[in-house]
């Protein structure tokens, strides 16, 4: 019986080995090829995805760098525009002040000239009025003085003596 069991074991071992070898052959032909092909495709797609992700990361860093550069340029341009606006505003204010001062000086000069003209006109008018009043007074005084003939002769004599006629 031991011999039978040993022959049976050897036969069983042989057939199991044959089945195993056949199974390996079938698996290699029909299962491992497609499985290895699928694994290789998966590996290739993962490598491609990683390369694509790396390229996207590199492009994203480049875009961020460009964004930072553009942002700096925009800030610098904004600062330049603000400085220019402040400078322009100051220039406009100074120009307006100068124009206002020049106009004020011109108006002041015109007013002073007008005052001087009015003053001269008033003085001339006053002189004319004083002269007219003085003439009226002198005329009235002379009329009173010269009402009688004796006073007239006496006045003429006095004027002749006062004026040195030689």
Protein backbone atom coordinates (compact mmCIF):
# COMPACT_ATOMS: atom_id res chain seq x y z
CA UNK A 1 0.00 0.00 0.00
CA UNK A 2 2.77 2.25 0.57
CA UNK A 3 3.95 1.53 -2.84
CA UNK A 4 0.57 2.34 -4.23
CA UNK A 5 0.41 5.54 -2.30
CA UNK A 6 3.88 6.42 -3.44
CA UNK A 7 3.02 5.67 -7.10
CA UNK A 8 -0.20 7.51 -6.73
CA UNK A 9 1.67 10.45 -5.21
CA UNK A 10 4.22 10.45 -7.97
CA UNK A 11 1.50 10.23 -10.63
CA UNK A 12 -0.48 12.90 -8.89
CA UNK A 13 2.62 15.03 -8.66
CA UNK A 14 3.33 14.47 -12.35
CA UNK A 15 -0.20 15.37 -13.42
CA UNK A 16 -0.37 18.31 -11.12
CA UNK A 17 2.93 19.55 -12.54
CA UNK A 18 1.62 19.10 -16.08
CA UNK A 19 -1.60 20.91 -15.26
CA UNK A 20 0.40 23.67 -13.59
CA UNK A 21 2.74 23.99 -16.61
CA UNK A 22 -0.29 23.98 -18.96
CA UNK A 23 -2.01 26.54 -16.80
CA UNK A 24 1.14 28.71 -16.83
CA UNK A 25 1.31 28.40 -20.61
CA UNK A 26 -2.37 29.33 -20.99
CA UNK A 27 -2.06 32.17 -18.53
CA UNK A 28 1.04 33.47 -20.30
CA UNK A 29 -0.63 33.35 -23.68
CA UNK A 30 -4.08 34.64 -22.78
CA UNK A 31 -3.89 36.43 -19.41
CA UNK A 32 -0.40 37.76 -18.75
CA UNK A 33 -0.04 39.40 -22.18
CA UNK A 34 -3.18 41.49 -21.83
CA UNK A 35 -2.52 42.08 -18.11
CA UNK A 36 1.09 43.14 -18.76
CA UNK A 37 -0.07 45.21 -21.72
CA UNK A 38 -2.70 46.90 -19.52
CA UNK A 39 -0.10 47.44 -16.78
CA UNK A 40 2.34 48.90 -19.31
CA UNK A 41 -0.39 51.15 -20.73
CA UNK A 42 -1.33 52.22 -17.23
CA UNK A 43 2.33 52.88 -16.42
CA UNK A 44 2.71 54.89 -19.64
CA UNK A 45 -0.46 56.89 -18.96
CA UNK A 46 0.72 57.58 -15.38
CA UNK A 47 4.12 58.73 -16.70
CA UNK A 48 2.37 60.91 -19.29
CA UNK A 49 0.05 62.32 -16.62
CA UNK A 50 3.03 63.05 -14.36
CA UNK A 51 4.88 64.72 -17.24
CA UNK A 52 1.76 66.69 -18.11
CA UNK A 53 1.31 67.69 -14.45
CA UNK A 54 4.97 68.76 -14.29
CA UNK A 55 4.54 70.76 -17.50
CA UNK A 56 1.36 72.35 -16.09
CA UNK A 57 3.16 73.15 -12.82
CA UNK A 58 6.05 74.71 -14.76
CA UNK A 59 3.61 76.71 -16.90
CA UNK A 60 1.70 77.76 -13.77
CA UNK A 61 4.93 78.98 -12.16
CA UNK A 62 5.76 80.84 -15.37
CA UNK A 63 2.29 82.41 -15.40
CA UNK A 64 2.60 83.36 -11.74
CA UNK A 65 5.98 84.91 -12.46
CA UNK A 66 4.48 86.82 -15.41
CA UNK A 67 1.55 87.88 -13.25
CA UNK A 68 3.92 89.18 -10.56
CA UNK A 69 5.95 91.06 -13.18
CA UNK A 70 2.80 92.55 -14.75
CA UNK A 71 1.51 93.49 -11.30
CA UNK A 72 4.81 95.23 -10.46
CA UNK A 73 4.72 97.08 -13.78
CA UNK A 74 1.11 98.12 -13.17
CA UNK A 75 1.99 99.38 -9.68
CA UNK A 76 4.98 101.29 -11.04
CA UNK A 77 2.83 102.78 -13.80
CA UNK A 78 0.16 103.71 -11.25
CA UNK A 79 2.78 105.43 -9.09
CA UNK A 80 4.15 107.27 -12.12
CA UNK A 81 0.65 108.39 -13.10
CA UNK A 82 -0.08 109.55 -9.56
CA UNK A 83 3.19 111.51 -9.44
CA UNK A 84 2.41 113.05 -12.82
CA UNK A 85 -1.12 113.90 -11.67
CA UNK A 86 0.22 115.54 -8.50
CA UNK A 87 2.79 117.45 -10.52
CA UNK A 88 0.17 118.56 -13.04
CA UNK A 89 -2.17 119.58 -10.24
CA UNK A 90 0.57 121.61 -8.56
CA UNK A 91 1.47 123.24 -11.89
CA UNK A 92 -2.18 124.09 -12.56
CA UNK A 93 -2.59 125.54 -9.08
CA UNK A 94 0.60 127.61 -9.44
CA UNK A 95 -0.45 128.81 -12.89
CA UNK A 96 -3.91 129.72 -11.61
CA UNK A 97 -2.39 131.57 -8.64
CA UNK A 98 0.01 133.46 -10.92
CA UNK A 99 -2.79 134.36 -13.32
CA UNK A 100 -5.03 135.43 -10.43
CA UNK A 101 -2.21 137.52 -8.94
CA UNK A 102 -1.50 139.12 -12.32
CA UNK A 103 -5.20 139.87 -12.82
CA UNK A 104 -5.45 141.24 -9.27
CA UNK A 105 -2.40 143.45 -9.89
CA UNK A 106 -3.89 144.64 -13.18
CA UNK A 107 -7.24 145.43 -11.54
CA UNK A 108 -5.45 147.14 -8.64
CA UNK A 109 -3.43 149.27 -11.07
CA UNK A 110 -6.58 150.18 -13.00
CA UNK A 111 -8.39 151.07 -9.78
CA UNK A 112 -5.45 153.20 -8.59
CA UNK A 113 -5.36 154.97 -11.96
CA UNK A 114 -9.12 155.52 -11.81
CA UNK A 115 -8.78 156.92 -8.27
CA UNK A 116 -5.97 159.25 -9.39
CA UNK A 117 -8.04 160.39 -12.37
CA UNK A 118 -11.07 160.98 -10.17
CA UNK A 119 -8.89 162.81 -7.63
CA UNK A 120 -7.43 165.07 -10.35
CA UNK A 121 -10.88 165.70 -11.76
CA UNK A 122 -12.21 166.51 -8.27
CA UNK A 123 -9.26 168.85 -7.58
CA UNK A 124 -9.73 170.60 -10.92
CA UNK A 125 -13.44 170.95 -10.31
CA UNK A 126 -12.75 172.24 -6.80
CA UNK A 127 -10.25 174.79 -8.19
CA UNK A 128 -12.75 175.94 -10.75
CA UNK A 129 -15.43 176.30 -8.08
CA UNK A 130 -13.03 178.07 -5.68
CA UNK A 131 -11.90 180.34 -8.51
CA UNK A 132 -15.50 181.08 -9.45
CA UNK A 133 -16.44 181.76 -5.83
CA UNK A 134 -13.35 183.94 -5.37
CA UNK A 135 -14.26 185.91 -8.49
CA UNK A 136 -17.83 186.35 -7.26
CA UNK A 137 -16.60 187.52 -3.87
CA UNK A 138 -14.04 189.86 -5.43
CA UNK A 139 -16.66 191.23 -7.76
CA UNK A 140 -19.06 191.87 -4.89
CA UNK A 141 -16.32 193.43 -2.75
CA UNK A 142 -15.22 195.67 -5.60
CA UNK A 143 -18.76 196.70 -6.30
CA UNK A 144 -19.20 197.75 -2.71
CA UNK A 145 -15.84 199.45 -2.61
CA UNK A 146 -16.34 201.24 -5.86
CA UNK A 147 -19.86 202.43 -5.26
CA UNK A 148 -18.78 205.95 -4.77
CA UNK A 149 -16.40 207.92 -6.97
CA UNK A 150 -14.00 209.00 -4.27
CA UNK A 151 -13.25 205.46 -3.25
CA UNK A 152 -12.57 204.53 -6.87
CA UNK A 153 -10.01 207.31 -7.29
CA UNK A 154 -8.35 206.45 -4.00
CA UNK A 155 -8.09 202.74 -5.00
CA UNK A 156 -6.52 203.62 -8.36
CA UNK A 157 -3.97 205.85 -6.70
CA UNK A 158 -3.07 203.16 -4.23
CA UNK A 159 -2.64 200.57 -7.01
CA UNK A 160 -0.38 202.91 -8.91
CA UNK A 161 1.76 203.49 -5.88
CA UNK A 162 1.92 199.78 -5.08
CA UNK A 163 3.03 198.91 -8.57
CA UNK A 164 6.42 200.36 -9.08
CA UNK A 165 6.17 202.14 -12.43
CA UNK A 166 9.46 203.60 -13.26
